[in-house]
Amino acid sequence: MKLSILLLTLSGALFSSFAQAEEKKPNVLFIALDDLNDWIGCLGGHPQTITPNLDRLAESGLLFTNAHCAAPACNASRTAIFTGRSPHRSGVYTNAQKLRDVLPDDVLLSKHFSNNGYWSTGSGKMLHYFIDAQSWDDYYPKRETEMPIPDTLYPETRPLNLPKAGPWQYIETDWGPLETSDEKFGGDYTVSQYVGDYLSKEHEKPFFLACGIYRPHEPWFVPAKYFEKFPLESIQLPPGYRSDDLEDVPALGQKVAHNRYFPHIQKHDQWKQGVQSYLASIHFADAMLGRVLDALEKGPNSDNTIVVLWSDHGWHLGEKEHWQKYTGWRQCTRVPLMMKVPASLSAALPEGTPVGVKCNQPASLLSLYPTLVELCGLPAMDQCDGESLLPLLKDATLPTPPAATYLDDAKSLSLSGENWRYIRYGDGTEELYDIVNDPYEWKNLAQSAEHRDELETLKSFLPKTMVPKPPVKVKDLPSLRWVQVTEASDVPPSKPDGNLMRLVFVNERSMELIINRVGEDGTLETKGKVEGNAEQELKGRPGSVWVITTLDKKLVGYFRAGDRAAKGVIK
């Protein structure tokens, strides 16, 4: 009798132990690097890059060599990742849109984990310059600030190396070494410190821990020691550059490519300096990643944490005569993506990810939400448009459909298959590339009868519809500086330079006012009226000056348009 009681007790204890082990959820370390293309050692994008920590993470798990963003812009890409919604269904295509204006009720990835027993926290940029406080249990800087990037050291006088060509130019397009330490530089160092400290401790709850490393996002200022490995005289220009690369590209593609930055950089002989600074910024970001990986490996969470690393989109440094992002070419859509799942951690993948394996099948960042939900045994979310990557984590050779990347006109997109890439513009013009034999996309084969089958196969994956892009709400437009004046001599002339853009004048006064555009010679041209406590929308160019007057032509003040759509609030 006593023996049977003892056996029952032991059996109950063992069952309880197994049940507790089964209930224990994997931790998640979710790492983002900003604007990082394939210039890392394990992807071979540039021969001079130095990324030992990215490479060691890739070697410890599964590296996706054919991963692509859902959109080539920070906000749209990150919105797709954190909501699981494709841009062509959510309507979020651009940086100017606000996630919560378009998708007010969506449950973000971090919140879904928090709703299911996890502690969601993090530091650094995960969403586009906001935190979305409701979606996290904690954050650094404090989630209530809605500013995810810790204080970062920048030069007192800017621009430092690349002169500003005009009002159209983004002020952050600048670079150079800073004589400072990592700690004093702040920014990503502070992020790595917060994340590393968290990883070094045991926690009662499983955690979803976000690590947003901002570099190599512009401006490319990092401590000088990261420049030392890249002497300017030894810098190699991008291997994907070719001077005649746009000759077989449709007109709309050429328009996307020609955004003025690259000619300006060449004019000032700053191309090599830009490449050097991007490489140095990647080297710095890699070092900050190393701090995080070291903390994980040395701490108590090494064997029970899933690690996912991604970049939101790539970056051009002269390829296709383009500088920046926003294109459908591979240089911009292809991103680093790597995953490490320890063995015996996830019931969905008990063997864990294979070590040092490369997956060449197409993969979309849109799949991260459903993949992590499945790996951690959370309820599936109907809002997710992407397919889980779990089958590829089990067998990296399984065929997958092309990964789609949607451009900001809400009409154009690219499709990335295993061996072929296709770009379709809003006017129906096309590009087709054999990326096995032409990885830099130098030869457009869309008009080749020989490759008609490949073209039609990729076209069969085109979405039947794409939701239109909703306009940005006036409250979310950046504000122009309001300058009150009473004398005409205090009003500067316009120096317009750039494309027409949206300008909204918001009259906070009770009286009707007149909106005048200032000419380059200082003369005023009336462009409209705005009622008291009302709004008036007009079109203007970067650098244009807008004077507000009363009905009897008395000066009230003026605005100068910047490099993007904005509102001018008349106070």
Protein backbone atom coordinates (compact mmCIF):
# COMPACT_ATOMS: atom_id res chain seq x y z
CA MET A 1 0.00 0.00 0.00
CA LYS A 2 2.77 2.40 0.97
CA LEU A 3 4.70 1.50 -2.23
CA SER A 4 1.68 2.26 -4.43
CA ILE A 5 1.17 5.61 -2.70
CA LEU A 6 4.85 6.42 -3.22
CA LEU A 7 4.64 5.50 -6.92
CA LEU A 8 1.53 7.61 -7.33
CA THR A 9 3.28 10.54 -5.63
CA LEU A 10 6.37 10.21 -7.82
CA SER A 11 4.22 9.84 -10.92
CA GLY A 12 2.27 12.98 -10.01
CA ALA A 13 5.46 14.90 -9.38
CA LEU A 14 6.95 13.83 -12.69
CA PHE A 15 3.75 14.72 -14.56
CA SER A 16 3.69 18.12 -12.86
CA SER A 17 7.33 18.68 -13.80
CA PHE A 18 6.72 17.75 -17.43
CA ALA A 19 3.60 19.94 -17.54
CA GLN A 20 5.52 22.92 -16.18
CA ALA A 21 8.31 22.35 -18.70
CA GLU A 22 5.78 22.13 -21.49
CA GLU A 23 4.07 25.35 -20.36
CA LYS A 24 7.31 27.32 -20.26
CA LYS A 25 7.45 29.59 -23.27
CA PRO A 26 10.57 30.51 -25.25
CA ASN A 27 11.95 34.02 -24.85
CA VAL A 28 12.33 36.15 -27.98
CA LEU A 29 15.18 38.55 -28.76
CA PHE A 30 14.00 40.64 -31.72
CA ILE A 31 16.87 42.63 -33.26
CA ALA A 32 16.53 45.28 -35.96
CA LEU A 33 19.27 47.15 -37.80
CA ASP A 34 18.18 50.23 -39.75
CA ASP A 35 18.86 50.73 -43.49
CA LEU A 36 21.26 47.79 -43.70
CA ASN A 37 21.65 46.25 -47.15
CA ASP A 38 23.62 43.10 -48.00
CA TRP A 39 27.00 44.65 -47.10
CA ILE A 40 27.71 42.04 -44.44
CA GLY A 41 30.29 39.28 -44.61
CA CYS A 42 27.89 36.35 -44.83
CA LEU A 43 25.93 37.95 -47.70
CA GLY A 44 28.99 39.18 -49.59
CA GLY A 45 27.57 42.55 -50.62
CA HIS A 46 30.84 44.48 -50.29
CA PRO A 47 34.33 42.96 -50.05
CA GLN A 48 35.59 45.41 -47.41
CA THR A 49 32.80 45.13 -44.86
CA ILE A 50 33.69 44.04 -41.29
CA THR A 51 30.82 42.24 -39.54
CA PRO A 52 32.13 39.43 -37.31
CA ASN A 53 29.09 39.48 -35.02
CA LEU A 54 26.49 39.37 -37.78
CA ASP A 55 28.48 36.53 -39.28
CA ARG A 56 28.69 34.56 -36.04
CA LEU A 57 24.94 34.87 -35.48
CA ALA A 58 24.33 33.66 -39.04
CA GLU A 59 26.68 30.72 -38.48
CA SER A 60 24.85 29.74 -35.27
CA GLY A 61 21.45 29.44 -36.91
CA LEU A 62 19.68 29.81 -40.25
CA LEU A 63 20.58 32.62 -42.69
CA PHE A 64 18.00 33.66 -45.27
CA THR A 65 19.98 34.84 -48.30
CA ASN A 66 16.89 35.80 -50.31
CA ALA A 67 14.85 37.75 -47.75
CA HIS A 68 13.00 40.91 -48.76
CA CYS A 69 11.16 43.76 -47.11
CA ALA A 70 7.46 44.35 -47.68
CA ALA A 71 8.19 48.01 -48.49
CA PRO A 72 11.43 49.92 -49.12
CA ALA A 73 10.68 52.61 -46.53
CA CYS A 74 11.16 52.47 -42.75
CA ASN A 75 7.59 53.17 -41.67
CA ALA A 76 5.84 50.94 -44.19
CA SER A 77 8.28 48.07 -43.67
CA ARG A 78 8.13 48.20 -39.89
CA THR A 79 4.36 48.57 -39.89
CA ALA A 80 4.12 45.41 -42.01
CA ILE A 81 6.42 43.52 -39.63
CA PHE A 82 4.65 44.58 -36.43
CA THR A 83 1.07 44.22 -37.72
CA GLY A 84 1.62 41.29 -40.06
CA ARG A 85 -0.32 43.21 -42.70
CA SER A 86 0.91 43.63 -46.26
CA PRO A 87 1.08 47.26 -47.50
CA HIS A 88 -1.23 46.45 -50.41
CA ARG A 89 -3.92 45.49 -47.90
CA SER A 90 -3.22 47.90 -45.04
CA GLY A 91 -2.67 51.02 -47.17
CA VAL A 92 0.55 51.95 -45.33
CA TYR A 93 3.08 52.58 -48.11
CA THR A 94 5.10 55.63 -46.99
CA ASN A 95 7.05 57.19 -44.15
CA ALA A 96 4.64 60.11 -43.89
CA GLN A 97 1.67 57.96 -42.87
CA LYS A 98 0.88 57.23 -39.23
CA LEU A 99 0.30 53.60 -38.26
CA ARG A 100 -2.46 54.35 -35.77
CA ASP A 101 -4.32 56.64 -38.17
CA VAL A 102 -4.59 53.88 -40.74
CA LEU A 103 -4.71 50.84 -38.42
CA PRO A 104 -6.10 52.10 -35.10
CA ASP A 105 -7.12 48.71 -33.74
CA ASP A 106 -4.38 46.36 -34.92
CA VAL A 107 -2.60 44.30 -32.28
CA LEU A 108 1.14 44.78 -32.70
CA LEU A 109 3.49 41.82 -32.38
CA SER A 110 4.80 42.95 -28.99
CA LYS A 111 1.27 43.42 -27.64
CA HIS A 112 0.19 39.98 -28.81
CA PHE A 113 3.03 38.51 -26.79
CA SER A 114 2.12 40.67 -23.81
CA ASN A 115 -1.51 39.57 -24.07
CA ASN A 116 -0.36 35.97 -23.83
CA GLY A 117 1.77 35.96 -20.71
CA TYR A 118 4.98 37.63 -21.95
CA TRP A 119 6.73 40.73 -20.69
CA SER A 120 7.28 42.97 -23.73
CA THR A 121 10.07 45.48 -23.48
CA GLY A 122 12.88 46.91 -25.53
CA SER A 123 15.00 49.86 -26.55
CA GLY A 124 15.78 51.68 -29.77
CA LYS A 125 13.93 52.14 -33.04
CA MET A 126 11.45 49.38 -33.81
CA LEU A 127 8.63 51.49 -35.23
CA HIS A 128 9.11 54.69 -37.22
CA TYR A 129 10.22 57.22 -34.57
CA PHE A 130 7.52 56.31 -32.08
CA ILE A 131 7.09 53.56 -29.49
CA ASP A 132 3.31 52.96 -29.41
CA ALA A 133 3.27 52.88 -25.62
CA GLN A 134 0.11 50.78 -25.44
CA SER A 135 1.93 47.89 -27.12
CA TRP A 136 4.72 47.46 -24.53
CA ASP A 137 4.96 46.68 -20.83
CA ASP A 138 8.13 48.73 -20.53
CA TYR A 139 10.63 50.53 -22.78
CA TYR A 140 13.80 52.59 -22.77
CA PRO A 141 13.59 55.54 -23.19
CA LYS A 142 10.31 55.57 -21.24
CA ARG A 143 7.44 54.47 -23.44
CA GLU A 144 5.40 57.57 -22.54
CA THR A 145 7.94 59.76 -24.36
CA GLU A 146 7.13 58.04 -27.68
CA MET A 147 10.75 58.63 -28.72
CA PRO A 148 12.54 55.27 -28.96
CA ILE A 149 16.11 56.43 -29.68
CA PRO A 150 18.31 57.41 -26.70
CA ASP A 151 20.32 60.66 -26.83
CA THR A 152 23.08 60.46 -29.44
CA LEU A 153 26.16 62.64 -29.89
CA TYR A 154 26.30 64.60 -33.15
CA PRO A 155 28.62 67.36 -34.42
CA GLU A 156 27.73 70.82 -33.14
CA THR A 157 27.83 72.28 -36.66
CA ARG A 158 26.14 70.49 -39.52
CA PRO A 159 26.44 69.60 -42.32
CA LEU A 160 29.96 68.41 -41.59
CA ASN A 161 31.13 66.92 -44.89
CA LEU A 162 28.38 66.98 -47.50
CA PRO A 163 27.24 70.55 -48.30
CA LYS A 164 23.51 71.12 -48.48
CA ALA A 165 22.56 71.59 -52.12
CA GLY A 166 19.17 73.11 -51.48
CA PRO A 167 15.92 72.84 -49.52
CA TRP A 168 15.14 69.49 -51.17
CA GLN A 169 18.05 67.77 -49.40
CA TYR A 170 17.56 65.67 -46.26
CA ILE A 171 19.73 67.26 -43.56
CA GLU A 172 20.79 63.85 -42.22
CA THR A 173 22.61 62.95 -45.45
CA ASP A 174 26.03 63.66 -43.96
CA TRP A 175 28.89 61.68 -42.43
CA GLY A 176 32.23 61.58 -40.72
CA PRO A 177 34.25 60.26 -37.74
CA LEU A 178 33.70 61.63 -34.24
CA GLU A 179 36.45 61.83 -31.65
CA THR A 180 34.51 60.18 -28.86
CA SER A 181 34.04 56.86 -27.08
CA ASP A 182 31.19 54.42 -27.66
CA GLU A 183 29.71 55.26 -24.28
CA LYS A 184 29.82 59.02 -24.84
CA PHE A 185 28.39 58.58 -28.31
CA GLY A 186 25.26 57.12 -26.68
CA GLY A 187 22.47 56.07 -29.02
CA ASP A 188 23.03 52.46 -30.02
CA TYR A 189 25.54 51.96 -27.22
CA THR A 190 22.81 52.87 -24.73
CA VAL A 191 20.40 50.51 -26.47
CA SER A 192 22.92 47.65 -26.31
CA GLN A 193 23.49 48.40 -22.62
CA TYR A 194 19.79 48.24 -21.76
CA VAL A 195 19.21 45.05 -23.77
CA GLY A 196 22.42 43.45 -22.49
CA ASP A 197 21.51 44.17 -18.88
CA TYR A 198 18.09 42.62 -19.39
CA LEU A 199 19.59 39.49 -20.93
CA SER A 200 22.04 39.07 -18.06
CA LYS A 201 19.23 38.48 -15.54
CA GLU A 202 16.65 35.78 -14.91
CA HIS A 203 13.00 36.79 -15.26
CA GLU A 204 9.78 35.33 -13.90
CA LYS A 205 7.91 35.80 -17.13
CA PRO A 206 9.08 34.84 -20.61
CA PHE A 207 10.08 37.98 -22.47
CA PHE A 208 9.72 39.58 -25.87
CA LEU A 209 12.79 41.81 -25.95
CA ALA A 210 13.29 44.28 -28.82
CA CYS A 211 16.69 45.69 -29.71
CA GLY A 212 16.58 48.51 -32.26
CA ILE A 213 20.08 49.39 -33.50
CA TYR A 214 19.79 52.66 -35.45
CA ARG A 215 22.99 52.51 -37.49
CA PRO A 216 23.67 52.35 -40.37
CA HIS A 217 20.78 54.81 -40.72
CA GLU A 218 21.87 58.32 -41.65
CA PRO A 219 23.65 60.44 -40.52
CA TRP A 220 26.75 58.26 -40.73
CA PHE A 221 28.54 59.68 -37.70
CA VAL A 222 30.16 57.10 -35.42
CA PRO A 223 33.27 57.09 -33.20
CA ALA A 224 36.47 57.56 -35.19
CA LYS A 225 37.90 54.13 -34.33
CA TYR A 226 35.30 52.51 -36.61
CA PHE A 227 36.68 54.48 -39.56
CA GLU A 228 40.27 53.30 -39.01
CA LYS A 229 39.73 49.96 -40.76
CA PHE A 230 38.54 51.77 -43.91
CA PRO A 231 41.31 54.13 -45.13
CA LEU A 232 39.84 56.44 -47.74
CA GLU A 233 42.50 55.67 -50.35
CA SER A 234 41.62 51.95 -50.20
CA ILE A 235 37.82 52.31 -50.47
CA GLN A 236 36.23 50.26 -53.23
CA LEU A 237 33.11 51.68 -54.85
CA PRO A 238 29.92 49.56 -54.82
CA PRO A 239 30.42 46.40 -56.92
CA GLY A 240 26.88 46.75 -58.29
CA TYR A 241 27.49 50.16 -59.88
CA ARG A 242 27.48 50.55 -63.65
CA SER A 243 27.36 53.93 -65.39
CA ASP A 244 24.95 52.82 -68.15
CA ASP A 245 22.70 50.79 -65.87
CA LEU A 246 19.50 52.74 -66.56
CA GLU A 247 19.53 52.50 -70.36
CA ASP A 248 17.10 49.56 -70.44
CA VAL A 249 14.97 50.71 -67.48
CA PRO A 250 11.44 52.11 -68.12
CA ALA A 251 10.81 55.82 -67.70
CA LEU A 252 9.12 55.44 -64.32
CA GLY A 253 12.04 53.39 -63.07
CA GLN A 254 14.44 56.09 -64.20
CA LYS A 255 12.33 58.65 -62.37
CA VAL A 256 12.57 56.61 -59.17
CA ALA A 257 16.34 56.35 -59.60
CA HIS A 258 17.07 60.01 -60.24
CA ASN A 259 16.56 61.71 -56.88
CA ARG A 260 19.47 64.24 -57.12
CA TYR A 261 21.51 62.89 -54.19
CA PHE A 262 23.96 60.83 -56.21
CA PRO A 263 24.92 63.63 -58.67
CA HIS A 264 25.31 66.02 -55.73
CA ILE A 265 27.61 63.57 -53.92
CA GLN A 266 29.67 63.06 -57.08
CA LYS A 267 29.88 66.81 -57.69
CA HIS A 268 31.47 67.32 -54.28
CA ASP A 269 33.75 64.29 -54.65
CA GLN A 270 32.15 62.59 -51.63
CA TRP A 271 31.28 59.17 -53.10
CA LYS A 272 34.18 57.32 -51.50
CA GLN A 273 33.63 59.21 -48.25
CA GLY A 274 29.99 58.11 -48.28
CA VAL A 275 30.92 54.46 -48.89
CA GLN A 276 33.58 54.69 -46.18
CA SER A 277 31.10 56.15 -43.69
CA TYR A 278 28.44 53.55 -44.47
CA LEU A 279 30.99 50.77 -43.94
CA ALA A 280 32.14 52.39 -40.69
CA SER A 281 28.54 52.70 -39.50
CA ILE A 282 27.91 49.03 -40.27
CA HIS A 283 31.09 48.12 -38.38
CA PHE A 284 29.85 50.14 -35.39
CA ALA A 285 26.38 48.58 -35.53
CA ASP A 286 27.99 45.14 -35.67
CA ALA A 287 30.04 45.95 -32.55
CA MET A 288 26.87 46.97 -30.70
CA LEU A 289 25.25 43.72 -31.81
CA GLY A 290 28.28 41.90 -30.42
CA ARG A 291 27.66 43.42 -26.99
CA VAL A 292 24.09 42.10 -27.07
CA LEU A 293 25.10 38.62 -28.25
CA ASP A 294 27.84 38.41 -25.62
CA ALA A 295 25.33 39.29 -22.91
CA LEU A 296 22.95 36.61 -24.14
CA GLU A 297 25.64 33.93 -24.36
CA LYS A 298 27.10 34.69 -20.93
CA GLY A 299 23.75 35.09 -19.17
CA PRO A 300 21.06 32.71 -17.94
CA ASN A 301 18.84 33.01 -21.05
CA SER A 302 21.10 31.59 -23.73
CA ASP A 303 19.39 28.22 -24.12
CA ASN A 304 15.80 29.45 -23.83
CA THR A 305 15.80 32.45 -26.22
CA ILE A 306 14.84 32.60 -29.89
CA VAL A 307 16.95 35.18 -31.73
CA VAL A 308 15.67 36.95 -34.84
CA LEU A 309 17.67 39.62 -36.65
CA TRP A 310 16.44 41.70 -39.58
CA SER A 311 16.85 45.01 -41.36
CA ASP A 312 13.86 47.03 -42.53
CA HIS A 313 15.19 47.54 -46.10
CA GLY A 314 18.38 47.92 -48.08
CA TRP A 315 20.18 51.01 -49.40
CA HIS A 316 21.67 52.29 -52.65
CA LEU A 317 25.11 53.93 -52.72
CA GLY A 318 25.18 54.72 -56.43
CA GLU A 319 23.80 51.50 -57.88
CA LYS A 320 21.19 52.32 -60.53
CA GLU A 321 22.49 55.93 -60.22
CA HIS A 322 20.50 56.13 -56.97
CA TRP A 323 21.31 57.12 -53.40
CA GLN A 324 18.94 56.25 -50.53
CA LYS A 325 16.07 53.74 -50.56
CA TYR A 326 12.46 53.70 -51.91
CA THR A 327 13.17 51.57 -55.03
CA GLY A 328 12.06 48.12 -56.18
CA TRP A 329 15.56 46.91 -57.08
CA ARG A 330 17.26 44.13 -55.19
CA GLN A 331 19.83 46.48 -53.64
CA CYS A 332 16.95 48.07 -51.77
CA THR A 333 14.53 45.19 -51.14
CA ARG A 334 16.99 42.48 -50.09
CA VAL A 335 17.77 42.45 -46.37
CA PRO A 336 19.72 40.42 -43.82
CA LEU A 337 17.46 37.95 -42.01
CA MET A 338 18.69 35.30 -39.62
CA MET A 339 17.02 33.14 -36.99
CA LYS A 340 18.34 30.96 -34.20
CA VAL A 341 16.06 28.61 -32.27
CA PRO A 342 17.84 26.46 -29.66
CA ALA A 343 16.98 22.76 -29.63
CA SER A 344 14.32 21.49 -27.19
CA LEU A 345 12.90 25.01 -26.78
CA SER A 346 9.95 25.28 -29.18
CA ALA A 347 7.36 22.50 -29.39
CA ALA A 348 6.83 23.57 -33.01
CA LEU A 349 10.53 23.08 -33.79
CA PRO A 350 11.92 20.70 -31.14
CA GLU A 351 15.15 20.08 -33.05
CA GLY A 352 15.80 23.84 -33.29
CA THR A 353 17.19 25.61 -36.32
CA PRO A 354 20.02 23.93 -38.23
CA VAL A 355 23.45 25.40 -37.55
CA GLY A 356 25.21 27.32 -40.30
CA VAL A 357 22.60 26.60 -42.97
CA LYS A 358 21.66 29.06 -45.72
CA CYS A 359 18.16 29.26 -47.15
CA ASN A 360 18.04 30.58 -50.73
CA GLN A 361 14.27 30.44 -51.05
CA PRO A 362 12.30 33.73 -51.10
CA ALA A 363 11.30 34.94 -47.65
CA SER A 364 9.38 38.06 -46.63
CA LEU A 365 9.70 40.08 -43.43
CA LEU A 366 5.91 39.98 -43.47
CA SER A 367 6.30 36.39 -42.20
CA LEU A 368 8.02 37.28 -38.92
CA TYR A 369 4.79 37.83 -36.96
CA PRO A 370 3.15 34.45 -37.80
CA THR A 371 6.49 32.63 -37.49
CA LEU A 372 7.15 33.81 -33.94
CA VAL A 373 3.53 33.20 -32.95
CA GLU A 374 3.84 29.59 -34.14
CA LEU A 375 7.26 29.02 -32.58
CA CYS A 376 6.05 30.28 -29.20
CA GLY A 377 2.70 28.52 -29.24
CA LEU A 378 0.60 31.68 -29.20
CA PRO A 379 -2.88 31.98 -30.76
CA ALA A 380 -2.76 32.67 -34.50
CA MET A 381 -3.79 36.16 -35.65
CA ASP A 382 -6.27 36.64 -38.48
CA GLN A 383 -4.72 40.02 -39.32
CA CYS A 384 -1.49 38.39 -40.54
CA ASP A 385 -1.11 38.26 -44.33
CA GLY A 386 2.25 36.47 -44.43
CA GLU A 387 2.97 32.76 -44.23
CA SER A 388 4.98 31.30 -41.37
CA LEU A 389 8.61 30.51 -42.10
CA LEU A 390 8.42 27.39 -39.95
CA PRO A 391 8.49 25.01 -42.95
CA LEU A 392 11.75 26.65 -44.11
CA LEU A 393 13.19 26.39 -40.61
CA LYS A 394 12.62 22.65 -40.90
CA ASP A 395 13.71 22.29 -44.53
CA ALA A 396 15.51 25.26 -46.09
CA THR A 397 15.07 23.86 -49.62
CA LEU A 398 11.26 23.89 -49.75
CA PRO A 399 9.97 26.03 -52.65
CA THR A 400 8.17 29.23 -51.61
CA PRO A 401 6.22 31.88 -53.56
CA PRO A 402 7.93 35.15 -54.52
CA ALA A 403 8.31 37.82 -51.87
CA ALA A 404 6.49 41.06 -52.73
CA THR A 405 7.80 44.57 -52.06
CA TYR A 406 5.39 47.50 -52.53
CA LEU A 407 6.52 50.98 -53.58
CA ASP A 408 5.16 54.22 -52.19
CA ASP A 409 2.99 55.16 -55.19
CA ALA A 410 0.62 52.32 -54.17
CA LYS A 411 0.76 51.09 -57.78
CA SER A 412 4.24 49.64 -58.28
CA LEU A 413 5.89 46.56 -56.79
CA SER A 414 8.65 44.02 -57.18
CA LEU A 415 8.49 40.24 -56.86
CA SER A 416 11.55 38.28 -55.73
CA GLY A 417 11.63 34.61 -56.67
CA GLU A 418 14.33 32.02 -56.13
CA ASN A 419 16.20 32.80 -59.35
CA TRP A 420 14.28 35.65 -60.96
CA ARG A 421 13.07 39.13 -60.04
CA TYR A 422 10.24 41.13 -61.56
CA ILE A 423 9.34 44.82 -61.22
CA ARG A 424 6.05 46.28 -62.41
CA TYR A 425 5.41 50.02 -62.39
CA GLY A 426 2.09 51.81 -62.13
CA ASP A 427 1.92 52.39 -65.88
CA GLY A 428 2.38 48.68 -66.63
CA THR A 429 6.05 48.87 -67.71
CA GLU A 430 8.25 46.05 -66.50
CA GLU A 431 11.70 44.76 -65.59
CA LEU A 432 12.84 41.15 -65.38
CA TYR A 433 16.21 39.97 -64.07
CA ASP A 434 18.02 36.64 -63.91
CA ILE A 435 19.62 37.09 -60.50
CA VAL A 436 21.65 33.88 -60.74
CA ASN A 437 23.65 35.19 -63.69
CA ASP A 438 22.94 38.88 -63.16
CA PRO A 439 22.80 39.54 -59.39
CA TYR A 440 23.19 43.31 -59.83
CA GLU A 441 20.26 43.52 -62.24
CA TRP A 442 22.20 45.08 -65.10
CA LYS A 443 20.22 43.50 -67.97
CA ASN A 444 16.46 43.93 -68.17
CA LEU A 445 15.00 40.85 -69.88
CA ALA A 446 11.33 41.87 -69.76
CA GLN A 447 11.16 42.22 -73.55
CA SER A 448 13.00 38.97 -74.23
CA ALA A 449 10.88 36.30 -75.95
CA GLU A 450 13.30 33.69 -74.64
CA HIS A 451 12.30 34.45 -71.05
CA ARG A 452 8.56 34.93 -71.55
CA ASP A 453 7.76 31.90 -69.34
CA GLU A 454 9.69 33.31 -66.38
CA LEU A 455 7.97 36.66 -66.83
CA GLU A 456 4.49 35.16 -66.96
CA THR A 457 5.16 32.90 -63.99
CA LEU A 458 6.11 35.85 -61.80
CA LYS A 459 3.21 37.95 -63.11
CA SER A 460 0.81 35.22 -61.97
CA PHE A 461 1.68 36.23 -58.38
CA LEU A 462 0.68 39.87 -58.85
CA PRO A 463 -2.10 40.94 -56.45
CA LYS A 464 -5.46 41.49 -58.10
CA THR A 465 -5.98 44.76 -56.22
CA MET A 466 -3.95 47.20 -54.14
CA VAL A 467 -5.78 49.40 -51.65
CA PRO A 468 -5.26 53.12 -52.29
CA LYS A 469 -2.96 55.18 -50.13
CA PRO A 470 -4.98 57.26 -47.63
CA PRO A 471 -3.83 60.88 -47.26
CA VAL A 472 -1.82 61.83 -44.20
CA LYS A 473 -4.00 63.64 -41.67
CA VAL A 474 -3.19 67.31 -41.26
CA LYS A 475 -2.45 66.86 -37.56
CA ASP A 476 0.30 64.40 -38.45
CA LEU A 477 2.11 66.60 -40.95
CA PRO A 478 5.34 68.17 -39.68
CA SER A 479 5.01 71.85 -38.75
CA LEU A 480 6.79 74.66 -40.55
CA ARG A 481 8.41 77.38 -38.46
CA TRP A 482 6.07 80.36 -38.04
CA VAL A 483 7.83 83.74 -38.16
CA GLN A 484 5.80 86.83 -37.25
CA VAL A 485 6.79 90.01 -39.11
CA THR A 486 5.38 93.49 -39.73
CA GLU A 487 7.88 94.83 -42.29
CA ALA A 488 8.26 93.59 -45.86
CA SER A 489 12.03 93.89 -45.57
CA ASP A 490 11.97 91.08 -42.98
CA VAL A 491 10.52 88.58 -45.48
CA PRO A 492 13.13 86.54 -47.41
CA PRO A 493 12.65 85.73 -51.10
CA SER A 494 11.74 82.22 -52.22
CA LYS A 495 14.46 79.88 -53.40
CA PRO A 496 12.32 77.05 -54.75
CA ASP A 497 14.10 73.84 -55.62
CA GLY A 498 12.37 70.48 -55.90
CA ASN A 499 9.01 68.95 -56.79
CA LEU A 500 5.60 70.28 -55.88
CA MET A 501 4.32 68.97 -52.57
CA ARG A 502 1.40 69.34 -50.21
CA LEU A 503 1.25 72.39 -47.92
CA VAL A 504 -1.66 72.93 -45.54
CA PHE A 505 -2.18 76.32 -43.88
CA VAL A 506 -3.99 76.10 -40.55
CA ASN A 507 -5.48 79.38 -39.37
CA GLU A 508 -5.81 79.47 -35.58
CA ARG A 509 -7.03 83.07 -35.69
CA SER A 510 -10.69 83.99 -35.94
CA MET A 511 -10.26 86.31 -38.94
CA GLU A 512 -9.99 85.47 -42.63
CA LEU A 513 -6.43 85.74 -43.97
CA ILE A 514 -4.71 85.79 -47.37
CA ILE A 515 -2.00 83.31 -48.41
CA ASN A 516 0.69 84.76 -50.67
CA ARG A 517 3.66 83.07 -52.30
CA VAL A 518 6.85 85.12 -52.36
CA GLY A 519 8.67 85.27 -55.68
CA GLU A 520 12.39 84.92 -56.11
CA ASP A 521 12.48 88.71 -56.53
CA GLY A 522 10.54 89.27 -53.31
CA THR A 523 7.18 90.13 -54.89
CA LEU A 524 3.97 88.63 -53.51
CA GLU A 525 1.48 86.55 -55.50
CA THR A 526 -1.86 85.79 -53.87
CA LYS A 527 -2.58 82.07 -53.95
CA GLY A 528 -5.64 81.72 -51.77
CA LYS A 529 -7.58 82.62 -48.66
CA VAL A 530 -8.12 80.78 -45.41
CA GLU A 531 -11.16 81.38 -43.26
CA GLY A 532 -10.84 81.95 -39.53
CA ASN A 533 -10.22 78.72 -37.60
CA ALA A 534 -10.04 76.80 -40.86
CA GLU A 535 -7.53 75.11 -43.20
CA GLN A 536 -6.44 75.70 -46.79
CA GLU A 537 -4.39 73.22 -48.82
CA LEU A 538 -2.04 74.36 -51.62
CA LYS A 539 0.96 73.03 -53.54
CA GLY A 540 4.47 74.42 -53.13
CA ARG A 541 8.11 73.57 -53.69
CA PRO A 542 10.89 73.12 -51.15
CA GLY A 543 12.42 76.52 -50.39
CA SER A 544 9.29 78.51 -51.29
CA VAL A 545 8.27 81.27 -48.85
CA TRP A 546 4.64 81.91 -47.99
CA VAL A 547 3.47 85.21 -46.51
CA ILE A 548 0.23 85.58 -44.59
CA THR A 549 -1.53 88.95 -44.74
CA THR A 550 -4.81 90.39 -43.54
CA LEU A 551 -7.56 91.36 -46.00
CA ASP A 552 -6.23 94.93 -45.94
CA LYS A 553 -2.73 93.58 -46.82
CA LYS A 554 -1.04 93.99 -43.45
CA LEU A 555 1.77 91.51 -42.85
CA VAL A 556 1.14 88.80 -40.25
CA GLY A 557 4.04 86.37 -40.74
CA TYR A 558 5.60 83.82 -43.07
CA PHE A 559 6.64 80.19 -43.52
CA ARG A 560 9.49 78.66 -45.51
CA ALA A 561 8.75 75.21 -46.96
CA GLY A 562 11.23 72.45 -46.17
CA ASP A 563 12.02 69.17 -47.93
CA ARG A 564 8.66 67.45 -47.40
CA ALA A 565 4.89 67.96 -47.16
CA ALA A 566 4.01 69.99 -44.09
CA LYS A 567 1.51 72.25 -42.35
CA GLY A 568 1.91 75.91 -41.47
CA VAL A 569 0.05 76.89 -38.32
CA ILE A 570 -0.86 80.60 -38.22
CA LYS A 571 -0.84 81.57 -34.55
